[in-house]
PDB file of N, CA and C in Angstrom:
ATOM      1  N   UNK A   1     108.524  98.841 110.679  1.00  0.00           N
ATOM      2  CA  UNK A   1     108.024 100.109 111.120  1.00  0.00           C
ATOM      3  C   UNK A   1     108.775 100.615 112.216  1.00  0.00           C
ATOM      4  N   UNK A   2     109.728 101.507 112.012  1.00  0.00           N
ATOM      5  CA  UNK A   2     110.669 101.908 112.956  1.00  0.00           C
ATOM      6  C   UNK A   2     109.982 102.748 114.056  1.00  0.00           C
ATOM      7  N   UNK A   3     108.887 103.427 113.794  1.00  0.00           N
ATOM      8  CA  UNK A   3     108.176 104.243 114.741  1.00  0.00           C
ATOM      9  C   UNK A   3     107.030 103.523 115.350  1.00  0.00           C
ATOM     10  N   UNK A   4     106.697 102.365 114.910  1.00  0.00           N
ATOM     11  CA  UNK A   4     105.608 101.520 115.475  1.00  0.00           C
ATOM     12  C   UNK A   4     104.179 102.070 115.107  1.00  0.00           C
ATOM     13  N   UNK A   5     104.151 102.816 114.057  1.00  0.00           N
ATOM     14  CA  UNK A   5     102.789 103.427 113.589  1.00  0.00           C
ATOM     15  C   UNK A   5     102.505 103.017 112.294  1.00  0.00           C
ATOM     16  N   UNK A   6     101.432 102.389 112.003  1.00  0.00           N
ATOM     17  CA  UNK A   6     100.933 102.046 110.649  1.00  0.00           C
ATOM     18  C   UNK A   6     100.271 103.143 109.997  1.00  0.00           C
ATOM     19  N   UNK A   7     100.808 103.725 108.852  1.00  0.00           N
ATOM     20  CA  UNK A   7     100.278 104.883 108.114  1.00  0.00           C
ATOM     21  C   UNK A   7      99.775 104.456 106.804  1.00  0.00           C
ATOM     22  N   UNK A   8      99.212 103.153 106.692  1.00  0.00           N
ATOM     23  CA  UNK A   8      98.647 102.843 105.484  1.00  0.00           C
ATOM     24  C   UNK A   8      97.366 103.495 105.239  1.00  0.00           C
ATOM     25  N   UNK A   9      97.269 104.276 104.127  1.00  0.00           N
ATOM     26  CA  UNK A   9      96.006 105.062 103.940  1.00  0.00           C
ATOM     27  C   UNK A   9      96.050 106.400 104.474  1.00  0.00           C
ATOM     28  N   UNK A  10      97.140 106.849 105.084  1.00  0.00           N
ATOM     29  CA  UNK A  10      97.278 108.190 105.690  1.00  0.00           C
ATOM     30  C   UNK A  10      98.165 109.083 104.767  1.00  0.00           C
ATOM     31  N   UNK A  11      97.958 110.368 104.896  1.00  0.00           N
ATOM     32  CA  UNK A  11      98.888 111.238 104.183  1.00  0.00           C
ATOM     33  C   UNK A  11      99.177 112.503 105.050  1.00  0.00           C
ATOM     34  N   UNK A  12     100.370 113.096 105.006  1.00  0.00           N
ATOM     35  CA  UNK A  12     100.520 114.413 105.673  1.00  0.00           C
ATOM     36  C   UNK A  12      99.679 115.463 105.083  1.00  0.00           C
ATOM     37  N   UNK A  13      99.076 116.272 105.914  1.00  0.00           N
ATOM     38  CA  UNK A  13      98.145 117.325 105.399  1.00  0.00           C
ATOM     39  C   UNK A  13      98.712 118.700 105.883  1.00  0.00           C
ATOM     40  N   UNK A  14      99.583 118.730 106.936  1.00  0.00           N
ATOM     41  CA  UNK A  14     100.106 119.993 107.372  1.00  0.00           C
ATOM     42  C   UNK A  14     101.326 119.822 108.188  1.00  0.00           C
ATOM     43  N   UNK A  15     102.248 120.631 108.010  1.00  0.00           N
ATOM     44  CA  UNK A  15     103.402 120.913 108.903  1.00  0.00           C
ATOM     45  C   UNK A  15     103.162 121.962 109.778  1.00  0.00           C
ATOM     46  N   UNK A  16     103.593 121.950 110.982  1.00  0.00           N
ATOM     47  CA  UNK A  16     103.408 123.111 111.958  1.00  0.00           C
ATOM     48  C   UNK A  16     104.476 123.030 112.948  1.00  0.00           C
ATOM     49  N   UNK A  17     104.551 123.978 113.898  1.00  0.00           N
ATOM     50  CA  UNK A  17     105.470 124.080 114.943  1.00  0.00           C
ATOM     51  C   UNK A  17     106.932 124.119 114.311  1.00  0.00           C
ATOM     52  N   UNK A  18     107.118 125.010 113.361  1.00  0.00           N
ATOM     53  CA  UNK A  18     108.367 125.132 112.668  1.00  0.00           C
ATOM     54  C   UNK A  18     108.872 123.843 112.048  1.00  0.00           C
ATOM     55  N   UNK A  19     108.001 123.086 111.465  1.00  0.00           N
ATOM     56  CA  UNK A  19     108.217 121.862 110.786  1.00  0.00           C
ATOM     57  C   UNK A  19     108.650 120.744 111.701  1.00  0.00           C
ATOM     58  N   UNK A  20     108.446 120.840 112.962  1.00  0.00           N
ATOM     59  CA  UNK A  20     108.808 119.733 113.804  1.00  0.00           C
ATOM     60  C   UNK A  20     107.745 118.712 114.014  1.00  0.00           C
ATOM     61  N   UNK A  21     106.527 119.101 113.666  1.00  0.00           N
ATOM     62  CA  UNK A  21     105.315 118.313 113.866  1.00  0.00           C
ATOM     63  C   UNK A  21     104.496 118.149 112.536  1.00  0.00           C
ATOM     64  N   UNK A  22     103.889 117.145 112.311  1.00  0.00           N
ATOM     65  CA  UNK A  22     103.070 116.842 111.175  1.00  0.00           C
ATOM     66  C   UNK A  22     101.758 116.394 111.522  1.00  0.00           C
ATOM     67  N   UNK A  23     100.625 116.888 110.823  1.00  0.00           N
ATOM     68  CA  UNK A  23      99.285 116.433 110.994  1.00  0.00           C
ATOM     69  C   UNK A  23      99.055 115.563 109.842  1.00  0.00           C
ATOM     70  N   UNK A  24      98.617 114.361 110.102  1.00  0.00           N
ATOM     71  CA  UNK A  24      98.243 113.326 109.160  1.00  0.00           C
ATOM     72  C   UNK A  24      96.736 113.139 109.075  1.00  0.00           C
ATOM     73  N   UNK A  25      96.196 112.889 107.898  1.00  0.00           N
ATOM     74  CA  UNK A  25      94.752 112.603 107.781  1.00  0.00           C
ATOM     75  C   UNK A  25      94.694 111.199 107.160  1.00  0.00           C
ATOM     76  N   UNK A  26      93.681 110.373 107.600  1.00  0.00           N
ATOM     77  CA  UNK A  26      93.407 109.074 106.987  1.00  0.00           C
ATOM     78  C   UNK A  26      92.471 109.214 105.900  1.00  0.00           C
ATOM     79  N   UNK A  27      92.939 108.826 104.713  1.00  0.00           N
ATOM     80  CA  UNK A  27      92.157 108.860 103.507  1.00  0.00           C
ATOM     81  C   UNK A  27      91.490 107.582 103.223  1.00  0.00           C
ATOM     82  N   UNK A  28      92.085 106.508 103.477  1.00  0.00           N
ATOM     83  CA  UNK A  28      91.578 105.156 103.455  1.00  0.00           C
ATOM     84  C   UNK A  28      90.812 104.924 102.152  1.00  0.00           C
ATOM     85  N   UNK A  29      89.674 104.348 102.192  1.00  0.00           N
ATOM     86  CA  UNK A  29      88.838 104.043 101.106  1.00  0.00           C
ATOM     87  C   UNK A  29      88.292 105.322 100.354  1.00  0.00           C
ATOM     88  N   UNK A  30      88.206 106.391 101.113  1.00  0.00           N
ATOM     89  CA  UNK A  30      87.664 107.610 100.624  1.00  0.00           C
ATOM     90  C   UNK A  30      88.546 108.181  99.535  1.00  0.00           C
ATOM     91  N   UNK A  31      89.872 107.964  99.603  1.00  0.00           N
ATOM     92  CA  UNK A  31      90.816 108.223  98.623  1.00  0.00           C
ATOM     93  C   UNK A  31      91.020 109.715  98.184  1.00  0.00           C
ATOM     94  N   UNK A  32      91.959 109.926  97.256  1.00  0.00           N
ATOM     95  CA  UNK A  32      92.233 111.172  96.789  1.00  0.00           C
ATOM     96  C   UNK A  32      91.524 111.313  95.409  1.00  0.00           C
ATOM     97  N   UNK A  33      90.167 111.599  95.494  1.00  0.00           N
ATOM     98  CA  UNK A  33      89.466 111.543  94.065  1.00  0.00           C
ATOM     99  C   UNK A  33      89.318 112.979  93.423  1.00  0.00           C
ATOM    100  N   UNK A  34      89.444 114.028  94.227  1.00  0.00           N
ATOM    101  CA  UNK A  34      89.298 115.243  93.422  1.00  0.00           C
ATOM    102  C   UNK A  34      90.535 115.658  92.783  1.00  0.00           C
ATOM    103  N   UNK A  35      90.458 116.599  91.792  1.00  0.00           N
ATOM    104  CA  UNK A  35      91.613 117.006  90.902  1.00  0.00           C
ATOM    105  C   UNK A  35      92.813 117.553  91.815  1.00  0.00           C
ATOM    106  N   UNK A  36      92.511 118.145  93.000  1.00  0.00           N
ATOM    107  CA  UNK A  36      93.625 118.718  93.813  1.00  0.00           C
ATOM    108  C   UNK A  36      93.500 118.229  95.227  1.00  0.00           C
ATOM    109  N   UNK A  37      94.666 118.059  95.807  1.00  0.00           N
ATOM    110  CA  UNK A  37      94.806 117.462  97.109  1.00  0.00           C
ATOM    111  C   UNK A  37      93.854 118.186  98.172  1.00  0.00           C
ATOM    112  N   UNK A  38      93.974 119.454  98.220  1.00  0.00           N
ATOM    113  CA  UNK A  38      93.185 120.278  99.164  1.00  0.00           C
ATOM    114  C   UNK A  38      91.711 120.025  99.015  1.00  0.00           C
ATOM    115  N   UNK A  39      91.245 119.757  97.811  1.00  0.00           N
ATOM    116  CA  UNK A  39      89.820 119.497  97.619  1.00  0.00           C
ATOM    117  C   UNK A  39      89.367 118.240  98.195  1.00  0.00           C
ATOM    118  N   UNK A  40      90.300 117.224  98.203  1.00  0.00           N
ATOM    119  CA  UNK A  40      89.976 115.826  98.913  1.00  0.00           C
ATOM    120  C   UNK A  40      89.953 116.128 100.413  1.00  0.00           C
ATOM    121  N   UNK A  41      90.858 116.916 100.901  1.00  0.00           N
ATOM    122  CA  UNK A  41      90.963 117.164 102.352  1.00  0.00           C
ATOM    123  C   UNK A  41      89.647 117.880 102.729  1.00  0.00           C
ATOM    124  N   UNK A  42      89.249 118.872 101.959  1.00  0.00           N
ATOM    125  CA  UNK A  42      88.125 119.739 102.340  1.00  0.00           C
ATOM    126  C   UNK A  42      86.818 118.799 102.261  1.00  0.00           C
ATOM    127  N   UNK A  43      86.778 117.843 101.376  1.00  0.00           N
ATOM    128  CA  UNK A  43      85.643 116.980 101.246  1.00  0.00           C
ATOM    129  C   UNK A  43      85.441 116.057 102.500  1.00  0.00           C
ATOM    130  N   UNK A  44      86.533 115.555 102.862  1.00  0.00           N
ATOM    131  CA  UNK A  44      86.555 114.694 104.118  1.00  0.00           C
ATOM    132  C   UNK A  44      86.250 115.505 105.398  1.00  0.00           C
ATOM    133  N   UNK A  45      86.689 116.651 105.384  1.00  0.00           N
ATOM    134  CA  UNK A  45      86.371 117.525 106.602  1.00  0.00           C
ATOM    135  C   UNK A  45      84.881 117.890 106.624  1.00  0.00           C
ATOM    136  N   UNK A  46      84.349 118.202 105.395  1.00  0.00           N
ATOM    137  CA  UNK A  46      82.951 118.592 105.281  1.00  0.00           C
ATOM    138  C   UNK A  46      82.047 117.352 105.592  1.00  0.00           C
ATOM    139  N   UNK A  47      82.345 116.245 105.151  1.00  0.00           N
ATOM    140  CA  UNK A  47      81.633 114.950 105.421  1.00  0.00           C
ATOM    141  C   UNK A  47      81.838 114.499 106.792  1.00  0.00           C
ATOM    142  N   UNK A  48      82.753 115.111 107.593  1.00  0.00           N
ATOM    143  CA  UNK A  48      83.180 114.713 108.907  1.00  0.00           C
ATOM    144  C   UNK A  48      83.634 113.342 109.011  1.00  0.00           C
ATOM    145  N   UNK A  49      84.266 112.910 107.904  1.00  0.00           N
ATOM    146  CA  UNK A  49      84.941 111.629 107.889  1.00  0.00           C
ATOM    147  C   UNK A  49      86.475 111.940 108.136  1.00  0.00           C
ATOM    148  N   UNK A  50      86.747 112.460 109.307  1.00  0.00           N
ATOM    149  CA  UNK A  50      88.050 112.804 109.528  1.00  0.00           C
ATOM    150  C   UNK A  50      88.732 112.079 110.777  1.00  0.00           C
ATOM    151  N   UNK A  51      89.896 111.474 110.368  1.00  0.00           N
ATOM    152  CA  UNK A  51      90.684 110.893 111.416  1.00  0.00           C
ATOM    153  C   UNK A  51      92.063 111.418 111.305  1.00  0.00           C
ATOM    154  N   UNK A  52      92.543 112.235 112.292  1.00  0.00           N
ATOM    155  CA  UNK A  52      93.807 112.898 112.237  1.00  0.00           C
ATOM    156  C   UNK A  52      94.764 112.394 113.302  1.00  0.00           C
ATOM    157  N   UNK A  53      95.995 112.390 113.024  1.00  0.00           N
ATOM    158  CA  UNK A  53      97.112 111.992 113.961  1.00  0.00           C
ATOM    159  C   UNK A  53      98.178 113.066 113.883  1.00  0.00           C
ATOM    160  N   UNK A  54      98.720 113.298 114.943  1.00  0.00           N
ATOM    161  CA  UNK A  54      99.984 114.245 115.027  1.00  0.00           C
ATOM    162  C   UNK A  54     101.157 113.580 115.406  1.00  0.00           C
ATOM    163  N   UNK A  55     102.200 113.683 114.707  1.00  0.00           N
ATOM    164  CA  UNK A  55     103.443 113.005 114.985  1.00  0.00           C
ATOM    165  C   UNK A  55     104.686 114.062 114.771  1.00  0.00           C
ATOM    166  N   UNK A  56     105.779 113.586 115.276  1.00  0.00           N
ATOM    167  CA  UNK A  56     106.996 114.360 114.980  1.00  0.00           C
ATOM    168  C   UNK A  56     107.326 114.172 113.568  1.00  0.00           C
ATOM    169  N   UNK A  57     107.981 115.175 112.887  1.00  0.00           N
ATOM    170  CA  UNK A  57     108.333 115.093 111.472  1.00  0.00           C
ATOM    171  C   UNK A  57     109.268 113.917 111.239  1.00  0.00           C
ATOM    172  N   UNK A  58     110.008 113.447 112.197  1.00  0.00           N
ATOM    173  CA  UNK A  58     110.913 112.222 111.990  1.00  0.00           C
ATOM    174  C   UNK A  58     110.220 111.029 111.418  1.00  0.00           C
ATOM    175  N   UNK A  59     108.901 110.937 111.648  1.00  0.00           N
ATOM    176  CA  UNK A  59     108.194 109.853 111.181  1.00  0.00           C
ATOM    177  C   UNK A  59     108.191 109.746 109.666  1.00  0.00           C
ATOM    178  N   UNK A  60     108.312 110.850 108.986  1.00  0.00           N
ATOM    179  CA  UNK A  60     108.426 110.937 107.480  1.00  0.00           C
ATOM    180  C   UNK A  60     109.649 110.155 107.068  1.00  0.00           C
ATOM    181  N   UNK A  61     110.711 109.982 107.842  1.00  0.00           N
ATOM    182  CA  UNK A  61     111.913 109.364 107.442  1.00  0.00           C
ATOM    183  C   UNK A  61     111.913 107.844 107.439  1.00  0.00           C
ATOM    184  N   UNK A  62     110.741 107.329 107.843  1.00  0.00           N
ATOM    185  CA  UNK A  62     110.592 105.837 108.012  1.00  0.00           C
ATOM    186  C   UNK A  62     110.488 105.215 106.538  1.00  0.00           C
ATOM    187  N   UNK A  63     111.529 104.799 106.028  1.00  0.00           N
ATOM    188  CA  UNK A  63     111.641 104.392 104.665  1.00  0.00           C
ATOM    189  C   UNK A  63     110.739 103.110 104.321  1.00  0.00           C
ATOM    190  N   UNK A  64     110.455 102.387 105.410  1.00  0.00           N
ATOM    191  CA  UNK A  64     109.638 101.165 105.216  1.00  0.00           C
ATOM    192  C   UNK A  64     108.154 101.526 104.827  1.00  0.00           C
ATOM    193  N   UNK A  65     107.760 102.753 105.189  1.00  0.00           N
ATOM    194  CA  UNK A  65     106.338 103.103 104.880  1.00  0.00           C
ATOM    195  C   UNK A  65     106.132 103.977 103.652  1.00  0.00           C
ATOM    196  N   UNK A  66     107.106 104.051 102.823  1.00  0.00           N
ATOM    197  CA  UNK A  66     107.026 105.001 101.622  1.00  0.00           C
ATOM    198  C   UNK A  66     106.904 104.151 100.343  1.00  0.00           C
ATOM    199  N   UNK A  67     106.249 104.836  99.449  1.00  0.00           N
ATOM    200  CA  UNK A  67     106.162 104.285  98.076  1.00  0.00           C
ATOM    201  C   UNK A  67     107.066 105.218  97.154  1.00  0.00           C
ATOM    202  N   UNK A  68     108.047 104.729  96.586  1.00  0.00           N
ATOM    203  CA  UNK A  68     108.965 105.524  95.720  1.00  0.00           C
ATOM    204  C   UNK A  68     108.159 106.091  94.578  1.00  0.00           C
ATOM    205  N   UNK A  69     108.317 107.367  94.289  1.00  0.00           N
ATOM    206  CA  UNK A  69     107.495 107.903  93.119  1.00  0.00           C
ATOM    207  C   UNK A  69     108.100 107.397  91.828  1.00  0.00           C
ATOM    208  N   UNK A  70     107.109 107.151  90.970  1.00  0.00           N
ATOM    209  CA  UNK A  70     107.713 106.608  89.642  1.00  0.00           C
ATOM    210  C   UNK A  70     107.599 107.829  88.575  1.00  0.00           C
ATOM    211  N   UNK A  71     107.064 108.923  88.996  1.00  0.00           N
ATOM    212  CA  UNK A  71     107.133 110.098  88.072  1.00  0.00           C
ATOM    213  C   UNK A  71     106.576 111.321  88.666  1.00  0.00           C
ATOM    214  N   UNK A  72     106.887 112.470  88.132  1.00  0.00           N
ATOM    215  CA  UNK A  72     106.470 113.706  88.486  1.00  0.00           C
ATOM    216  C   UNK A  72     106.019 114.471  87.325  1.00  0.00           C
ATOM    217  N   UNK A  73     104.905 115.312  87.410  1.00  0.00           N
ATOM    218  CA  UNK A  73     104.444 116.170  86.464  1.00  0.00           C
ATOM    219  C   UNK A  73     104.705 117.577  86.814  1.00  0.00           C
ATOM    220  N   UNK A  74     105.541 118.237  86.123  1.00  0.00           N
ATOM    221  CA  UNK A  74     105.836 119.701  86.382  1.00  0.00           C
ATOM    222  C   UNK A  74     104.914 120.399  85.375  1.00  0.00           C
ATOM    223  N   UNK A  75     104.347 121.601  85.816  1.00  0.00           N
ATOM    224  CA  UNK A  75     103.423 122.170  84.941  1.00  0.00           C
ATOM    225  C   UNK A  75     103.561 123.707  85.028  1.00  0.00           C
ATOM    226  N   UNK A  76     102.884 124.369  84.051  1.00  0.00           N
ATOM    227  CA  UNK A  76     102.665 125.816  84.048  1.00  0.00           C
ATOM    228  C   UNK A  76     101.204 125.978  83.850  1.00  0.00           C
ATOM    229  N   UNK A  77     100.736 127.150  83.994  1.00  0.00           N
ATOM    230  CA  UNK A  77      99.249 127.375  83.941  1.00  0.00           C
ATOM    231  C   UNK A  77      98.735 126.998  82.473  1.00  0.00           C
ATOM    232  N   UNK A  78      97.562 126.258  82.471  1.00  0.00           N
ATOM    233  CA  UNK A  78      96.983 125.927  81.229  1.00  0.00           C
ATOM    234  C   UNK A  78      97.661 125.076  80.335  1.00  0.00           C
ATOM    235  N   UNK A  79      98.473 124.080  80.866  1.00  0.00           N
ATOM    236  CA  UNK A  79      99.158 123.194  80.063  1.00  0.00           C
ATOM    237  C   UNK A  79      98.602 121.796  79.875  1.00  0.00           C
ATOM    238  N   UNK A  80      97.494 121.494  80.652  1.00  0.00           N
ATOM    239  CA  UNK A  80      96.887 120.195  80.547  1.00  0.00           C
ATOM    240  C   UNK A  80      97.227 119.225  81.724  1.00  0.00           C
ATOM    241  N   UNK A  81      98.015 119.703  82.669  1.00  0.00           N
ATOM    242  CA  UNK A  81      98.524 118.906  83.726  1.00  0.00           C
ATOM    243  C   UNK A  81      97.316 118.342  84.492  1.00  0.00           C
ATOM    244  N   UNK A  82      96.238 119.041  84.799  1.00  0.00           N
ATOM    245  CA  UNK A  82      95.073 118.518  85.571  1.00  0.00           C
ATOM    246  C   UNK A  82      94.425 117.405  84.685  1.00  0.00           C
ATOM    247  N   UNK A  83      94.386 117.556  83.450  1.00  0.00           N
ATOM    248  CA  UNK A  83      93.832 116.559  82.564  1.00  0.00           C
ATOM    249  C   UNK A  83      94.605 115.229  82.638  1.00  0.00           C
ATOM    250  N   UNK A  84      95.810 115.429  82.530  1.00  0.00           N
ATOM    251  CA  UNK A  84      96.735 114.252  82.551  1.00  0.00           C
ATOM    252  C   UNK A  84      96.751 113.612  83.961  1.00  0.00           C
ATOM    253  N   UNK A  85      96.703 114.307  85.157  1.00  0.00           N
ATOM    254  CA  UNK A  85      96.631 113.744  86.475  1.00  0.00           C
ATOM    255  C   UNK A  85      95.328 113.110  86.707  1.00  0.00           C
ATOM    256  N   UNK A  86      94.191 113.624  86.168  1.00  0.00           N
ATOM    257  CA  UNK A  86      92.912 113.040  86.250  1.00  0.00           C
ATOM    258  C   UNK A  86      92.780 111.698  85.548  1.00  0.00           C
ATOM    259  N   UNK A  87      93.485 111.646  84.351  1.00  0.00           N
ATOM    260  CA  UNK A  87      93.528 110.420  83.572  1.00  0.00           C
ATOM    261  C   UNK A  87      94.312 109.343  84.293  1.00  0.00           C
ATOM    262  N   UNK A  88      95.397 109.714  84.943  1.00  0.00           N
ATOM    263  CA  UNK A  88      96.157 108.697  85.650  1.00  0.00           C
ATOM    264  C   UNK A  88      95.479 108.288  86.919  1.00  0.00           C
ATOM    265  N   UNK A  89      94.776 109.037  87.412  1.00  0.00           N
ATOM    266  CA  UNK A  89      93.903 108.778  88.669  1.00  0.00           C
ATOM    267  C   UNK A  89      92.938 107.607  88.381  1.00  0.00           C
ATOM    268  N   UNK A  90      92.478 107.459  87.192  1.00  0.00           N
ATOM    269  CA  UNK A  90      91.574 106.481  86.827  1.00  0.00           C
ATOM    270  C   UNK A  90      92.110 105.025  86.940  1.00  0.00           C
ATOM    271  N   UNK A  91      93.362 104.866  86.919  1.00  0.00           N
ATOM    272  CA  UNK A  91      94.013 103.555  87.166  1.00  0.00           C
ATOM    273  C   UNK A  91      94.287 103.268  88.630  1.00  0.00           C
ATOM    274  N   UNK A  92      93.657 102.189  89.194  1.00  0.00           N
ATOM    275  CA  UNK A  92      93.818 102.039  90.677  1.00  0.00           C
ATOM    276  C   UNK A  92      95.275 101.868  91.169  1.00  0.00           C
ATOM    277  N   UNK A  93      96.222 101.471  90.240  1.00  0.00           N
ATOM    278  CA  UNK A  93      97.574 101.229  90.784  1.00  0.00           C
ATOM    279  C   UNK A  93      98.255 102.570  90.911  1.00  0.00           C
ATOM    280  N   UNK A  94      97.675 103.711  90.495  1.00  0.00           N
ATOM    281  CA  UNK A  94      98.361 104.982  90.483  1.00  0.00           C
ATOM    282  C   UNK A  94      97.870 105.723  91.802  1.00  0.00           C
ATOM    283  N   UNK A  95      98.771 106.331  92.445  1.00  0.00           N
ATOM    284  CA  UNK A  95      98.501 107.281  93.615  1.00  0.00           C
ATOM    285  C   UNK A  95      98.823 108.653  93.017  1.00  0.00           C
ATOM    286  N   UNK A  96      97.868 109.474  92.884  1.00  0.00           N
ATOM    287  CA  UNK A  96      98.058 110.847  92.292  1.00  0.00           C
ATOM    288  C   UNK A  96      97.753 111.796  93.449  1.00  0.00           C
ATOM    289  N   UNK A  97      98.742 112.665  93.634  1.00  0.00           N
ATOM    290  CA  UNK A  97      98.683 113.788  94.619  1.00  0.00           C
ATOM    291  C   UNK A  97      99.009 114.971  93.804  1.00  0.00           C
ATOM    292  N   UNK A  98      97.929 115.916  93.558  1.00  0.00           N
ATOM    293  CA  UNK A  98      98.100 117.023  92.777  1.00  0.00           C
ATOM    294  C   UNK A  98      98.132 118.284  93.621  1.00  0.00           C
ATOM    295  N   UNK A  99      99.072 119.120  93.550  1.00  0.00           N
ATOM    296  CA  UNK A  99      99.326 120.391  94.159  1.00  0.00           C
ATOM    297  C   UNK A  99      98.994 120.318  95.587  1.00  0.00           C
ATOM    298  N   UNK A 100      99.668 119.478  96.335  1.00  0.00           N
ATOM    299  CA  UNK A 100      99.523 119.333  97.822  1.00  0.00           C
ATOM    300  C   UNK A 100     100.504 120.302  98.441  1.00  0.00           C
ATOM    301  N   UNK A 101      99.925 121.227  99.265  1.00  0.00           N
ATOM    302  CA  UNK A 101     100.700 122.217 100.063  1.00  0.00           C
ATOM    303  C   UNK A 101     101.689 121.532 101.000  1.00  0.00           C
ATOM    304  N   UNK A 102     101.422 120.408 101.580  1.00  0.00           N
ATOM    305  CA  UNK A 102     102.337 119.837 102.555  1.00  0.00           C
ATOM    306  C   UNK A 102     103.704 119.529 101.800  1.00  0.00           C
ATOM    307  N   UNK A 103     103.485 118.973 100.488  1.00  0.00           N
ATOM    308  CA  UNK A 103     104.782 118.566  99.781  1.00  0.00           C
ATOM    309  C   UNK A 103     105.491 119.884  99.486  1.00  0.00           C
ATOM    310  N   UNK A 104     104.807 121.004  99.099  1.00  0.00           N
ATOM    311  CA  UNK A 104     105.526 122.240  98.801  1.00  0.00           C
ATOM    312  C   UNK A 104     106.214 122.630 100.034  1.00  0.00           C
ATOM    313  N   UNK A 105     105.500 122.575 101.221  1.00  0.00           N
ATOM    314  CA  UNK A 105     106.216 123.011 102.493  1.00  0.00           C
ATOM    315  C   UNK A 105     107.439 122.246 102.722  1.00  0.00           C
ATOM    316  N   UNK A 106     107.286 120.884 102.574  1.00  0.00           N
ATOM    317  CA  UNK A 106     108.487 119.915 102.903  1.00  0.00           C
ATOM    318  C   UNK A 106     109.614 120.294 102.004  1.00  0.00           C
ATOM    319  N   UNK A 107     109.379 120.463 100.707  1.00  0.00           N
ATOM    320  CA  UNK A 107     110.468 120.796  99.673  1.00  0.00           C
ATOM    321  C   UNK A 107     111.103 122.178  99.982  1.00  0.00           C
ATOM    322  N   UNK A 108     110.315 123.222 100.236  1.00  0.00           N
ATOM    323  CA  UNK A 108     110.730 124.444 100.561  1.00  0.00           C
ATOM    324  C   UNK A 108     111.613 124.585 101.800  1.00  0.00           C
ATOM    325  N   UNK A 109     111.143 123.816 102.848  1.00  0.00           N
ATOM    326  CA  UNK A 109     111.928 123.803 104.107  1.00  0.00           C
ATOM    327  C   UNK A 109     113.123 123.086 103.811  1.00  0.00           C
ATOM    328  N   UNK A 110     113.088 121.985 103.124  1.00  0.00           N
ATOM    329  CA  UNK A 110     114.319 121.075 102.868  1.00  0.00           C
ATOM    330  C   UNK A 110     115.360 121.940 102.077  1.00  0.00           C
ATOM    331  N   UNK A 111     114.924 122.663 101.069  1.00  0.00           N
ATOM    332  CA  UNK A 111     115.864 123.375 100.290  1.00  0.00           C
ATOM    333  C   UNK A 111     116.377 124.607 100.938  1.00  0.00           C
ATOM    334  N   UNK A 112     115.514 125.385 101.714  1.00  0.00           N
ATOM    335  CA  UNK A 112     115.913 126.750 102.210  1.00  0.00           C
ATOM    336  C   UNK A 112     115.989 126.755 103.704  1.00  0.00           C
ATOM    337  N   UNK A 113     115.590 125.763 104.369  1.00  0.00           N
ATOM    338  CA  UNK A 113     115.632 125.661 105.847  1.00  0.00           C
ATOM    339  C   UNK A 113     114.547 126.451 106.527  1.00  0.00           C
ATOM    340  N   UNK A 114     113.633 126.983 105.779  1.00  0.00           N
ATOM    341  CA  UNK A 114     112.502 127.655 106.274  1.00  0.00           C
ATOM    342  C   UNK A 114     111.203 127.589 105.464  1.00  0.00           C
ATOM    343  N   UNK A 115     110.161 127.939 105.946  1.00  0.00           N
ATOM    344  CA  UNK A 115     108.876 127.835 105.086  1.00  0.00           C
ATOM    345  C   UNK A 115     108.807 129.107 104.296  1.00  0.00           C
ATOM    346  N   UNK A 116     108.871 129.036 103.014  1.00  0.00           N
ATOM    347  CA  UNK A 116     108.849 130.103 102.023  1.00  0.00           C
ATOM    348  C   UNK A 116     107.418 130.336 101.510  1.00  0.00           C
ATOM    349  N   UNK A 117     106.434 129.565 101.977  1.00  0.00           N
ATOM    350  CA  UNK A 117     104.976 129.834 101.664  1.00  0.00           C
ATOM    351  C   UNK A 117     104.851 129.924 100.184  1.00  0.00           C
ATOM    352  N   UNK A 118     105.264 128.855  99.445  1.00  0.00           N
ATOM    353  CA  UNK A 118     105.135 128.741  97.999  1.00  0.00           C
ATOM    354  C   UNK A 118     103.660 128.900  97.615  1.00  0.00           C
TER     355      UNK A 118
END
């Protein structure tokens, strides 16, 4: 752990301050159960089971704390991607993150140097 922070069970939920800061939420046992990432975030906030940390975005570069993706599902409207991701979510070895705005933010910032609000 290069930054001395254990992020097991945590996920970035928002970039802010021109992408220099990241808000992290602890999902832990509550997990990402809903079809879409934002629905899981909303559930935890509604149930007040929220543990949030704020870090510099450099923490995302800590390669020791990442799980390399084994696949991506690209989709268009009404193609069955939600059905497929829900089926994959049923297997405990899979981590499924569906339509997470922080990922879109990070990719758009990385590609274009600014937040394009995808």
